[in-house]
Amino acid sequence: MKKFRFILLTFVICAFCSSSAMAGDDFLERGFRGMIDLGGQYGFGDAKDNYFIQSSFTGGYQINHMLFVGSGVAPSLSLFDNKWRDEVELGFVMPIYASIRCDFVNSTISPFLETRGGYFITDDSDRHGGYVYAGTGCRFNKFSLSAGYSLYIQDGWTGHFAGLKFGFEF
């Protein structure tokens, strides 16, 4: 049921953005583009009762009006339920990733899809592994709102997270 709600929310955001898009000639010009995001994620599956407060900094190159490629880091504060100690602990997680983003409309309002892939490190030297993110959202001039799914893969553990992000682009 949660997956259905997530898919429905994604569809509504994209439909709203597509119908609200205004014509613009050269909003997404070729060249450097940077993005800063702030959001929260909640875990499910193996990561139930785990949460992230996440910021991300992505820089790269806008190849054409639709395609952006870049890389970045996402320093995150993690709140996780330590089942062995019966308490909630605070930790630090930082994914380092490559990013591809597709903006569908070249205007001040545009829906987009984004994927990220890379490696995450933590404040615990024994806990690190693979990182994948897929999200969709809408850009409003220089601001964006998006929803996404993150997957953290580590030896013997797979963390599934869903979340929302608010962003600023420059």
C-alpha atoms as a PDB file:
ATOM      1  CA  MET A   1       0.000   0.000   0.000  1.00  0.00           C
ATOM      2  CA  LYS A   2       2.879   2.392   0.769  1.00  0.00           C
ATOM      3  CA  LYS A   3       4.395   1.742  -2.659  1.00  0.00           C
ATOM      4  CA  PHE A   4       1.045   2.563  -4.260  1.00  0.00           C
ATOM      5  CA  ARG A   5       0.834   5.866  -2.351  1.00  0.00           C
ATOM      6  CA  PHE A   6       4.417   6.742  -3.344  1.00  0.00           C
ATOM      7  CA  ILE A   7       3.699   5.998  -7.038  1.00  0.00           C
ATOM      8  CA  LEU A   8       0.449   7.979  -6.873  1.00  0.00           C
ATOM      9  CA  LEU A   9       2.212  10.972  -5.257  1.00  0.00           C
ATOM     10  CA  THR A  10       4.907  10.839  -7.945  1.00  0.00           C
ATOM     11  CA  PHE A  11       2.297  10.753 -10.702  1.00  0.00           C
ATOM     12  CA  VAL A  12       0.377  13.699  -9.210  1.00  0.00           C
ATOM     13  CA  ILE A  13       3.561  15.810  -8.905  1.00  0.00           C
ATOM     14  CA  CYS A  14       4.556  15.081 -12.518  1.00  0.00           C
ATOM     15  CA  ALA A  15       1.037  15.685 -13.850  1.00  0.00           C
ATOM     16  CA  PHE A  16       0.784  19.010 -11.983  1.00  0.00           C
ATOM     17  CA  CYS A  17       4.163  20.153 -13.213  1.00  0.00           C
ATOM     18  CA  SER A  18       3.502  19.138 -16.815  1.00  0.00           C
ATOM     19  CA  SER A  19       0.172  20.932 -16.933  1.00  0.00           C
ATOM     20  CA  SER A  20       1.600  24.026 -15.226  1.00  0.00           C
ATOM     21  CA  ALA A  21       4.698  24.347 -17.392  1.00  0.00           C
ATOM     22  CA  MET A  22       5.158  27.732 -18.998  1.00  0.00           C
ATOM     23  CA  ALA A  23       6.959  28.260 -22.283  1.00  0.00           C
ATOM     24  CA  GLY A  24      10.541  29.413 -21.958  1.00  0.00           C
ATOM     25  CA  ASP A  25      13.306  29.612 -24.525  1.00  0.00           C
ATOM     26  CA  ASP A  26      16.605  28.975 -22.784  1.00  0.00           C
ATOM     27  CA  PHE A  27      16.083  28.385 -19.071  1.00  0.00           C
ATOM     28  CA  LEU A  28      18.455  25.407 -18.874  1.00  0.00           C
ATOM     29  CA  GLU A  29      21.545  26.602 -20.677  1.00  0.00           C
ATOM     30  CA  ARG A  30      24.603  24.479 -21.313  1.00  0.00           C
ATOM     31  CA  GLY A  31      27.311  24.792 -18.697  1.00  0.00           C
ATOM     32  CA  PHE A  32      27.887  24.375 -14.974  1.00  0.00           C
ATOM     33  CA  ARG A  33      24.859  23.706 -12.786  1.00  0.00           C
ATOM     34  CA  GLY A  34      24.789  23.184  -9.032  1.00  0.00           C
ATOM     35  CA  MET A  35      22.097  21.884  -6.694  1.00  0.00           C
ATOM     36  CA  ILE A  36      21.675  21.868  -2.921  1.00  0.00           C
ATOM     37  CA  ASP A  37      18.972  19.707  -1.299  1.00  0.00           C
ATOM     38  CA  LEU A  38      17.693  19.243   2.228  1.00  0.00           C
ATOM     39  CA  GLY A  39      15.251  16.541   3.236  1.00  0.00           C
ATOM     40  CA  GLY A  40      14.281  13.596   5.335  1.00  0.00           C
ATOM     41  CA  GLN A  41      14.069   9.869   4.711  1.00  0.00           C
ATOM     42  CA  TYR A  42      12.410   7.069   6.625  1.00  0.00           C
ATOM     43  CA  GLY A  43      13.428   3.444   6.478  1.00  0.00           C
ATOM     44  CA  PHE A  44      11.403   0.333   5.848  1.00  0.00           C
ATOM     45  CA  GLY A  45      12.203  -3.362   5.527  1.00  0.00           C
ATOM     46  CA  ASP A  46      15.571  -4.073   7.201  1.00  0.00           C
ATOM     47  CA  ALA A  47      15.881  -0.339   7.943  1.00  0.00           C
ATOM     48  CA  LYS A  48      12.569  -0.009   9.795  1.00  0.00           C
ATOM     49  CA  ASP A  49      12.737   2.627  12.562  1.00  0.00           C
ATOM     50  CA  ASN A  50      15.748   4.309  10.905  1.00  0.00           C
ATOM     51  CA  TYR A  51      15.656   7.933   9.726  1.00  0.00           C
ATOM     52  CA  PHE A  52      17.942  10.337   7.884  1.00  0.00           C
ATOM     53  CA  ILE A  53      18.108  14.099   7.879  1.00  0.00           C
ATOM     54  CA  GLN A  54      19.998  14.553   4.642  1.00  0.00           C
ATOM     55  CA  SER A  55      21.611  17.396   2.763  1.00  0.00           C
ATOM     56  CA  SER A  56      23.182  16.938  -0.646  1.00  0.00           C
ATOM     57  CA  PHE A  57      25.486  19.015  -2.812  1.00  0.00           C
ATOM     58  CA  THR A  58      25.619  18.150  -6.514  1.00  0.00           C
ATOM     59  CA  GLY A  59      27.663  19.900  -9.184  1.00  0.00           C
ATOM     60  CA  GLY A  60      27.996  19.063 -12.836  1.00  0.00           C
ATOM     61  CA  TYR A  61      27.382  19.978 -16.425  1.00  0.00           C
ATOM     62  CA  GLN A  62      24.084  20.686 -18.192  1.00  0.00           C
ATOM     63  CA  ILE A  63      24.704  18.921 -21.536  1.00  0.00           C
ATOM     64  CA  ASN A  64      21.517  20.121 -23.256  1.00  0.00           C
ATOM     65  CA  HIS A  65      18.059  21.345 -22.228  1.00  0.00           C
ATOM     66  CA  MET A  66      17.146  17.930 -20.837  1.00  0.00           C
ATOM     67  CA  LEU A  67      20.269  16.146 -19.606  1.00  0.00           C
ATOM     68  CA  PHE A  68      22.476  16.941 -16.603  1.00  0.00           C
ATOM     69  CA  VAL A  69      25.413  14.804 -15.415  1.00  0.00           C
ATOM     70  CA  GLY A  70      27.403  15.446 -12.272  1.00  0.00           C
ATOM     71  CA  SER A  71      28.620  14.174  -8.945  1.00  0.00           C
ATOM     72  CA  GLY A  72      28.199  15.065  -5.328  1.00  0.00           C
ATOM     73  CA  VAL A  73      28.097  14.236  -1.646  1.00  0.00           C
ATOM     74  CA  ALA A  74      25.176  13.889   0.740  1.00  0.00           C
ATOM     75  CA  PRO A  75      26.213  14.329   4.389  1.00  0.00           C
ATOM     76  CA  SER A  76      23.424  12.901   6.520  1.00  0.00           C
ATOM     77  CA  LEU A  77      22.547  12.640  10.170  1.00  0.00           C
ATOM     78  CA  SER A  78      21.111   9.193  10.918  1.00  0.00           C
ATOM     79  CA  LEU A  79      18.822   8.207  13.744  1.00  0.00           C
ATOM     80  CA  PHE A  80      18.700   4.451  14.014  1.00  0.00           C
ATOM     81  CA  ASP A  81      17.158   1.944  16.349  1.00  0.00           C
ATOM     82  CA  ASN A  82      19.927  -0.158  17.877  1.00  0.00           C
ATOM     83  CA  LYS A  83      18.026  -3.385  18.566  1.00  0.00           C
ATOM     84  CA  TRP A  84      20.939  -4.859  20.524  1.00  0.00           C
ATOM     85  CA  ARG A  85      21.096  -2.017  23.040  1.00  0.00           C
ATOM     86  CA  ASP A  86      17.374  -1.136  23.006  1.00  0.00           C
ATOM     87  CA  GLU A  87      18.019   2.561  22.305  1.00  0.00           C
ATOM     88  CA  VAL A  88      18.044   5.086  19.481  1.00  0.00           C
ATOM     89  CA  GLU A  89      21.520   6.142  18.342  1.00  0.00           C
ATOM     90  CA  LEU A  90      22.795   9.076  16.350  1.00  0.00           C
ATOM     91  CA  GLY A  91      25.239   8.542  13.501  1.00  0.00           C
ATOM     92  CA  PHE A  92      26.757  10.061  10.382  1.00  0.00           C
ATOM     93  CA  VAL A  93      26.391   8.711   6.834  1.00  0.00           C
ATOM     94  CA  MET A  94      27.817  10.300   3.684  1.00  0.00           C
ATOM     95  CA  PRO A  95      27.025   8.951   0.214  1.00  0.00           C
ATOM     96  CA  ILE A  96      29.476   9.977  -2.536  1.00  0.00           C
ATOM     97  CA  TYR A  97      27.787   9.615  -5.915  1.00  0.00           C
ATOM     98  CA  ALA A  98      27.515  10.260  -9.644  1.00  0.00           C
ATOM     99  CA  SER A  99      24.225  11.791 -10.776  1.00  0.00           C
ATOM    100  CA  ILE A 100      22.123  11.912 -13.948  1.00  0.00           C
ATOM    101  CA  ARG A 101      19.065  14.175 -14.131  1.00  0.00           C
ATOM    102  CA  CYS A 102      16.511  14.655 -16.888  1.00  0.00           C
ATOM    103  CA  ASP A 103      14.361  17.828 -16.929  1.00  0.00           C
ATOM    104  CA  PHE A 104      11.383  17.240 -19.226  1.00  0.00           C
ATOM    105  CA  VAL A 105      10.434  20.838 -20.071  1.00  0.00           C
ATOM    106  CA  ASN A 106      12.774  23.753 -20.780  1.00  0.00           C
ATOM    107  CA  SER A 107      10.914  26.357 -18.740  1.00  0.00           C
ATOM    108  CA  THR A 108      10.774  27.815 -15.263  1.00  0.00           C
ATOM    109  CA  ILE A 109       8.477  24.968 -14.139  1.00  0.00           C
ATOM    110  CA  SER A 110       9.512  21.449 -15.112  1.00  0.00           C
ATOM    111  CA  PRO A 111       9.109  17.868 -13.873  1.00  0.00           C
ATOM    112  CA  PHE A 112      12.309  15.836 -13.630  1.00  0.00           C
ATOM    113  CA  LEU A 113      13.741  12.384 -12.937  1.00  0.00           C
ATOM    114  CA  GLU A 114      17.046  11.871 -11.166  1.00  0.00           C
ATOM    115  CA  THR A 115      19.258   8.872 -10.437  1.00  0.00           C
ATOM    116  CA  ARG A 116      22.373   8.648  -8.287  1.00  0.00           C
ATOM    117  CA  GLY A 117      24.790   5.836  -7.700  1.00  0.00           C
ATOM    118  CA  GLY A 118      27.928   5.508  -5.651  1.00  0.00           C
ATOM    119  CA  TYR A 119      29.374   4.547  -2.301  1.00  0.00           C
ATOM    120  CA  PHE A 120      28.540   5.547   1.265  1.00  0.00           C
ATOM    121  CA  ILE A 121      30.808   5.921   4.270  1.00  0.00           C
ATOM    122  CA  THR A 122      29.868   6.240   7.934  1.00  0.00           C
ATOM    123  CA  ASP A 123      31.378   7.272  11.228  1.00  0.00           C
ATOM    124  CA  ASP A 124      31.785   3.545  11.951  1.00  0.00           C
ATOM    125  CA  SER A 125      34.684   2.181   9.861  1.00  0.00           C
ATOM    126  CA  ASP A 126      33.005  -1.245   9.562  1.00  0.00           C
ATOM    127  CA  ARG A 127      29.802   0.104   8.026  1.00  0.00           C
ATOM    128  CA  HIS A 128      30.118   1.272   4.430  1.00  0.00           C
ATOM    129  CA  GLY A 129      28.832   0.061   1.070  1.00  0.00           C
ATOM    130  CA  GLY A 130      26.874   0.814  -2.089  1.00  0.00           C
ATOM    131  CA  TYR A 131      24.357   3.630  -2.555  1.00  0.00           C
ATOM    132  CA  VAL A 132      21.601   4.046  -5.167  1.00  0.00           C
ATOM    133  CA  TYR A 133      18.904   6.755  -5.364  1.00  0.00           C
ATOM    134  CA  ALA A 134      16.013   7.261  -7.791  1.00  0.00           C
ATOM    135  CA  GLY A 135      13.665  10.212  -7.508  1.00  0.00           C
ATOM    136  CA  THR A 136      11.173  12.382  -9.290  1.00  0.00           C
ATOM    137  CA  GLY A 137      10.006  15.892  -8.660  1.00  0.00           C
ATOM    138  CA  CYS A 138       9.296  19.307 -10.031  1.00  0.00           C
ATOM    139  CA  ARG A 139      11.507  22.359 -10.450  1.00  0.00           C
ATOM    140  CA  PHE A 140       9.932  25.784  -9.854  1.00  0.00           C
ATOM    141  CA  ASN A 141      12.386  28.344 -11.265  1.00  0.00           C
ATOM    142  CA  LYS A 142      15.436  27.820  -8.988  1.00  0.00           C
ATOM    143  CA  PHE A 143      13.649  25.699  -6.345  1.00  0.00           C
ATOM    144  CA  SER A 144      12.600  22.058  -6.440  1.00  0.00           C
ATOM    145  CA  LEU A 145      10.489  19.566  -4.540  1.00  0.00           C
ATOM    146  CA  SER A 146      11.077  15.854  -5.026  1.00  0.00           C
ATOM    147  CA  ALA A 147      10.295  12.403  -3.661  1.00  0.00           C
ATOM    148  CA  GLY A 148      12.620   9.456  -3.950  1.00  0.00           C
ATOM    149  CA  TYR A 149      13.808   6.014  -2.952  1.00  0.00           C
ATOM    150  CA  SER A 150      17.290   5.232  -1.610  1.00  0.00           C
ATOM    151  CA  LEU A 151      18.979   1.874  -1.315  1.00  0.00           C
ATOM    152  CA  TYR A 152      21.975   1.332   0.953  1.00  0.00           C
ATOM    153  CA  ILE A 153      23.760  -2.007   0.476  1.00  0.00           C
ATOM    154  CA  GLN A 154      26.247  -3.325   3.005  1.00  0.00           C
ATOM    155  CA  ASP A 155      27.547  -6.805   3.854  1.00  0.00           C
ATOM    156  CA  GLY A 156      24.536  -8.665   5.237  1.00  0.00           C
ATOM    157  CA  TRP A 157      22.258  -5.602   5.367  1.00  0.00           C
ATOM    158  CA  THR A 158      20.093  -3.777   2.839  1.00  0.00           C
ATOM    159  CA  GLY A 159      18.488  -0.462   3.820  1.00  0.00           C
ATOM    160  CA  HIS A 160      15.430   0.795   1.940  1.00  0.00           C
ATOM    161  CA  PHE A 161      14.467   4.436   2.465  1.00  0.00           C
ATOM    162  CA  ALA A 162      11.806   6.763   1.046  1.00  0.00           C
ATOM    163  CA  GLY A 163      11.847  10.511   1.482  1.00  0.00           C
ATOM    164  CA  LEU A 164      11.141  14.063   0.417  1.00  0.00           C
ATOM    165  CA  LYS A 165      13.645  16.792  -0.489  1.00  0.00           C
ATOM    166  CA  PHE A 166      13.488  20.544  -0.973  1.00  0.00           C
ATOM    167  CA  GLY A 167      16.194  21.958  -3.199  1.00  0.00           C
ATOM    168  CA  PHE A 168      17.825  25.108  -4.570  1.00  0.00           C
ATOM    169  CA  GLU A 169      19.663  25.289  -7.893  1.00  0.00           C
ATOM    170  CA  PHE A 170      22.342  27.688  -9.073  1.00  0.00           C
END
